[in-house]
Amino acid sequence: MTLTQLKYLIAVVDNRLNISLAAEHLNTSQPGISKQIQLLEDELGVEIFIRNGKRMANITSPGQTIVE
């Protein structure tokens, strides 16, 4: 887990689960944020977000704990 991954996670949450908006606010790329969040989920062994296709629909219970 890196500080960058946590920063990206918080940015996504702060931008209503919109990765594109989070990327815009962080001056980075949407694929970069998606990749880092996926790596974080893989490392922790939990899904942080409930996904509806490619979109993030909500935060899981373990994801909420990580955000807090």
N, C-alpha and C. Protein backbone atom coordinates (compact mmCIF):
# COMPACT_ATOMS: atom_id res chain seq x y z
N MET A 1 0.84 -1.16 0.00
CA MET A 1 0.00 0.00 0.00
C MET A 1 0.90 1.24 0.00
N THR A 2 0.58 2.16 -0.89
CA THR A 2 1.37 3.38 -0.97
C THR A 2 0.51 4.59 -0.65
N LEU A 3 1.16 5.67 -0.32
CA LEU A 3 0.42 6.92 -0.07
C LEU A 3 -0.29 7.40 -1.33
N THR A 4 0.32 7.16 -2.47
CA THR A 4 -0.32 7.54 -3.74
C THR A 4 -1.62 6.78 -3.92
N GLN A 5 -1.62 5.49 -3.65
CA GLN A 5 -2.85 4.71 -3.78
C GLN A 5 -3.93 5.25 -2.86
N LEU A 6 -3.56 5.58 -1.62
CA LEU A 6 -4.54 6.12 -0.68
C LEU A 6 -5.04 7.50 -1.12
N LYS A 7 -4.13 8.31 -1.65
CA LYS A 7 -4.52 9.62 -2.16
C LYS A 7 -5.51 9.48 -3.31
N TYR A 8 -5.27 8.55 -4.21
CA TYR A 8 -6.18 8.31 -5.32
C TYR A 8 -7.53 7.80 -4.82
N LEU A 9 -7.50 6.91 -3.85
CA LEU A 9 -8.74 6.37 -3.29
C LEU A 9 -9.59 7.49 -2.69
N ILE A 10 -8.99 8.35 -1.90
CA ILE A 10 -9.72 9.45 -1.28
C ILE A 10 -10.24 10.42 -2.34
N ALA A 11 -9.45 10.66 -3.37
CA ALA A 11 -9.89 11.56 -4.45
C ALA A 11 -11.12 11.00 -5.16
N VAL A 12 -11.14 9.70 -5.40
CA VAL A 12 -12.30 9.07 -6.05
C VAL A 12 -13.54 9.22 -5.16
N VAL A 13 -13.37 8.95 -3.87
CA VAL A 13 -14.50 9.08 -2.94
C VAL A 13 -14.97 10.54 -2.88
N ASP A 14 -14.04 11.47 -2.80
CA ASP A 14 -14.38 12.90 -2.73
C ASP A 14 -15.06 13.41 -3.99
N ASN A 15 -14.85 12.72 -5.11
CA ASN A 15 -15.44 13.12 -6.39
C ASN A 15 -16.61 12.22 -6.77
N ARG A 16 -17.34 11.78 -5.76
CA ARG A 16 -18.58 11.00 -5.96
C ARG A 16 -18.35 9.75 -6.81
N LEU A 17 -17.22 9.07 -6.55
CA LEU A 17 -16.86 7.82 -7.22
C LEU A 17 -16.62 7.99 -8.71
N ASN A 18 -16.29 9.19 -9.12
CA ASN A 18 -16.03 9.49 -10.52
C ASN A 18 -14.51 9.56 -10.73
N ILE A 19 -13.97 8.53 -11.35
CA ILE A 19 -12.52 8.46 -11.54
C ILE A 19 -12.02 9.56 -12.47
N SER A 20 -12.80 9.89 -13.48
CA SER A 20 -12.38 10.94 -14.42
C SER A 20 -12.24 12.29 -13.72
N LEU A 21 -13.20 12.62 -12.86
CA LEU A 21 -13.12 13.88 -12.10
C LEU A 21 -11.94 13.85 -11.13
N ALA A 22 -11.74 12.70 -10.48
CA ALA A 22 -10.61 12.58 -9.56
C ALA A 22 -9.29 12.78 -10.31
N ALA A 23 -9.18 12.18 -11.48
CA ALA A 23 -7.96 12.33 -12.28
C ALA A 23 -7.74 13.78 -12.67
N GLU A 24 -8.82 14.46 -13.03
CA GLU A 24 -8.72 15.87 -13.41
C GLU A 24 -8.23 16.71 -12.22
N HIS A 25 -8.77 16.46 -11.04
CA HIS A 25 -8.36 17.22 -9.86
C HIS A 25 -6.92 16.92 -9.43
N LEU A 26 -6.47 15.71 -9.71
CA LEU A 26 -5.10 15.33 -9.33
C LEU A 26 -4.09 15.53 -10.45
N ASN A 27 -4.56 16.02 -11.60
CA ASN A 27 -3.69 16.22 -12.76
C ASN A 27 -2.95 14.93 -13.13
N THR A 28 -3.71 13.85 -13.22
CA THR A 28 -3.15 12.56 -13.62
C THR A 28 -4.13 11.89 -14.57
N SER A 29 -3.84 10.66 -14.95
CA SER A 29 -4.70 9.98 -15.92
C SER A 29 -5.71 9.07 -15.23
N GLN A 30 -6.84 8.91 -15.86
CA GLN A 30 -7.88 8.02 -15.35
C GLN A 30 -7.39 6.57 -15.30
N PRO A 31 -6.72 6.08 -16.35
CA PRO A 31 -6.21 4.70 -16.27
C PRO A 31 -5.20 4.50 -15.13
N GLY A 32 -4.43 5.52 -14.84
CA GLY A 32 -3.45 5.42 -13.75
C GLY A 32 -4.13 5.25 -12.41
N ILE A 33 -5.19 6.01 -12.18
CA ILE A 33 -5.95 5.89 -10.93
C ILE A 33 -6.60 4.51 -10.85
N SER A 34 -7.23 4.08 -11.94
CA SER A 34 -7.89 2.78 -11.95
C SER A 34 -6.90 1.67 -11.64
N LYS A 35 -5.73 1.73 -12.23
CA LYS A 35 -4.70 0.71 -12.02
C LYS A 35 -4.24 0.68 -10.57
N GLN A 36 -4.00 1.85 -9.99
CA GLN A 36 -3.52 1.90 -8.62
C GLN A 36 -4.57 1.41 -7.63
N ILE A 37 -5.84 1.71 -7.88
CA ILE A 37 -6.90 1.22 -7.01
C ILE A 37 -7.02 -0.30 -7.14
N GLN A 38 -6.89 -0.82 -8.36
CA GLN A 38 -6.92 -2.27 -8.55
C GLN A 38 -5.76 -2.95 -7.84
N LEU A 39 -4.57 -2.36 -7.92
CA LEU A 39 -3.41 -2.92 -7.21
C LEU A 39 -3.64 -2.89 -5.70
N LEU A 40 -4.24 -1.83 -5.19
CA LEU A 40 -4.54 -1.74 -3.77
C LEU A 40 -5.53 -2.82 -3.35
N GLU A 41 -6.58 -3.01 -4.14
CA GLU A 41 -7.56 -4.06 -3.85
C GLU A 41 -6.90 -5.44 -3.87
N ASP A 42 -6.04 -5.68 -4.84
CA ASP A 42 -5.35 -6.97 -4.95
C ASP A 42 -4.45 -7.20 -3.73
N GLU A 43 -3.73 -6.16 -3.33
CA GLU A 43 -2.82 -6.28 -2.20
C GLU A 43 -3.58 -6.54 -0.89
N LEU A 44 -4.71 -5.86 -0.71
CA LEU A 44 -5.49 -6.02 0.51
C LEU A 44 -6.39 -7.24 0.48
N GLY A 45 -6.67 -7.74 -0.71
CA GLY A 45 -7.53 -8.91 -0.85
C GLY A 45 -9.01 -8.63 -0.64
N VAL A 46 -9.41 -7.38 -0.84
CA VAL A 46 -10.83 -7.00 -0.72
C VAL A 46 -11.21 -6.07 -1.86
N GLU A 47 -12.48 -6.07 -2.19
CA GLU A 47 -12.99 -5.09 -3.15
C GLU A 47 -13.36 -3.84 -2.37
N ILE A 48 -12.87 -2.71 -2.81
CA ILE A 48 -13.17 -1.45 -2.14
C ILE A 48 -14.46 -0.86 -2.68
N PHE A 49 -14.71 -1.07 -3.96
CA PHE A 49 -15.89 -0.50 -4.61
C PHE A 49 -16.78 -1.58 -5.19
N ILE A 50 -18.07 -1.32 -5.20
CA ILE A 50 -19.03 -2.13 -5.93
C ILE A 50 -19.08 -1.54 -7.33
N ARG A 51 -18.83 -2.36 -8.33
CA ARG A 51 -18.79 -1.86 -9.70
C ARG A 51 -20.03 -2.28 -10.46
N ASN A 52 -20.48 -1.38 -11.31
CA ASN A 52 -21.59 -1.63 -12.22
C ASN A 52 -21.01 -1.45 -13.62
N GLY A 53 -20.52 -2.53 -14.20
CA GLY A 53 -19.78 -2.43 -15.45
C GLY A 53 -18.44 -1.79 -15.17
N LYS A 54 -18.14 -0.72 -15.86
CA LYS A 54 -16.89 0.00 -15.64
C LYS A 54 -17.02 1.09 -14.58
N ARG A 55 -18.24 1.39 -14.19
CA ARG A 55 -18.48 2.46 -13.22
C ARG A 55 -18.48 1.95 -11.79
N MET A 56 -18.05 2.80 -10.89
CA MET A 56 -18.11 2.48 -9.48
C MET A 56 -19.46 2.94 -8.95
N ALA A 57 -20.22 2.00 -8.40
CA ALA A 57 -21.58 2.31 -7.96
C ALA A 57 -21.65 2.69 -6.49
N ASN A 58 -20.77 2.09 -5.67
CA ASN A 58 -20.82 2.33 -4.24
C ASN A 58 -19.52 1.84 -3.61
N ILE A 59 -19.40 2.10 -2.31
CA ILE A 59 -18.24 1.64 -1.56
C ILE A 59 -18.67 0.42 -0.75
N THR A 60 -17.84 -0.61 -0.73
CA THR A 60 -18.13 -1.79 0.07
C THR A 60 -17.89 -1.47 1.55
N SER A 61 -18.36 -2.34 2.41
CA SER A 61 -18.13 -2.16 3.84
C SER A 61 -16.64 -2.15 4.18
N PRO A 62 -15.85 -3.11 3.65
CA PRO A 62 -14.40 -3.03 3.91
C PRO A 62 -13.79 -1.77 3.29
N GLY A 63 -14.31 -1.35 2.16
CA GLY A 63 -13.82 -0.14 1.52
C GLY A 63 -14.06 1.09 2.37
N GLN A 64 -15.22 1.14 3.02
CA GLN A 64 -15.53 2.26 3.90
C GLN A 64 -14.56 2.31 5.07
N THR A 65 -14.22 1.15 5.60
CA THR A 65 -13.25 1.08 6.69
C THR A 65 -11.89 1.60 6.24
N ILE A 66 -11.48 1.25 5.05
CA ILE A 66 -10.19 1.71 4.52
C ILE A 66 -10.21 3.22 4.33
N VAL A 67 -11.30 3.75 3.82
CA VAL A 67 -11.42 5.19 3.59
C VAL A 67 -11.33 5.96 4.92
N GLU A 68 -11.99 5.42 5.93
CA GLU A 68 -11.97 6.09 7.24
C GLU A 68 -10.58 6.07 7.82
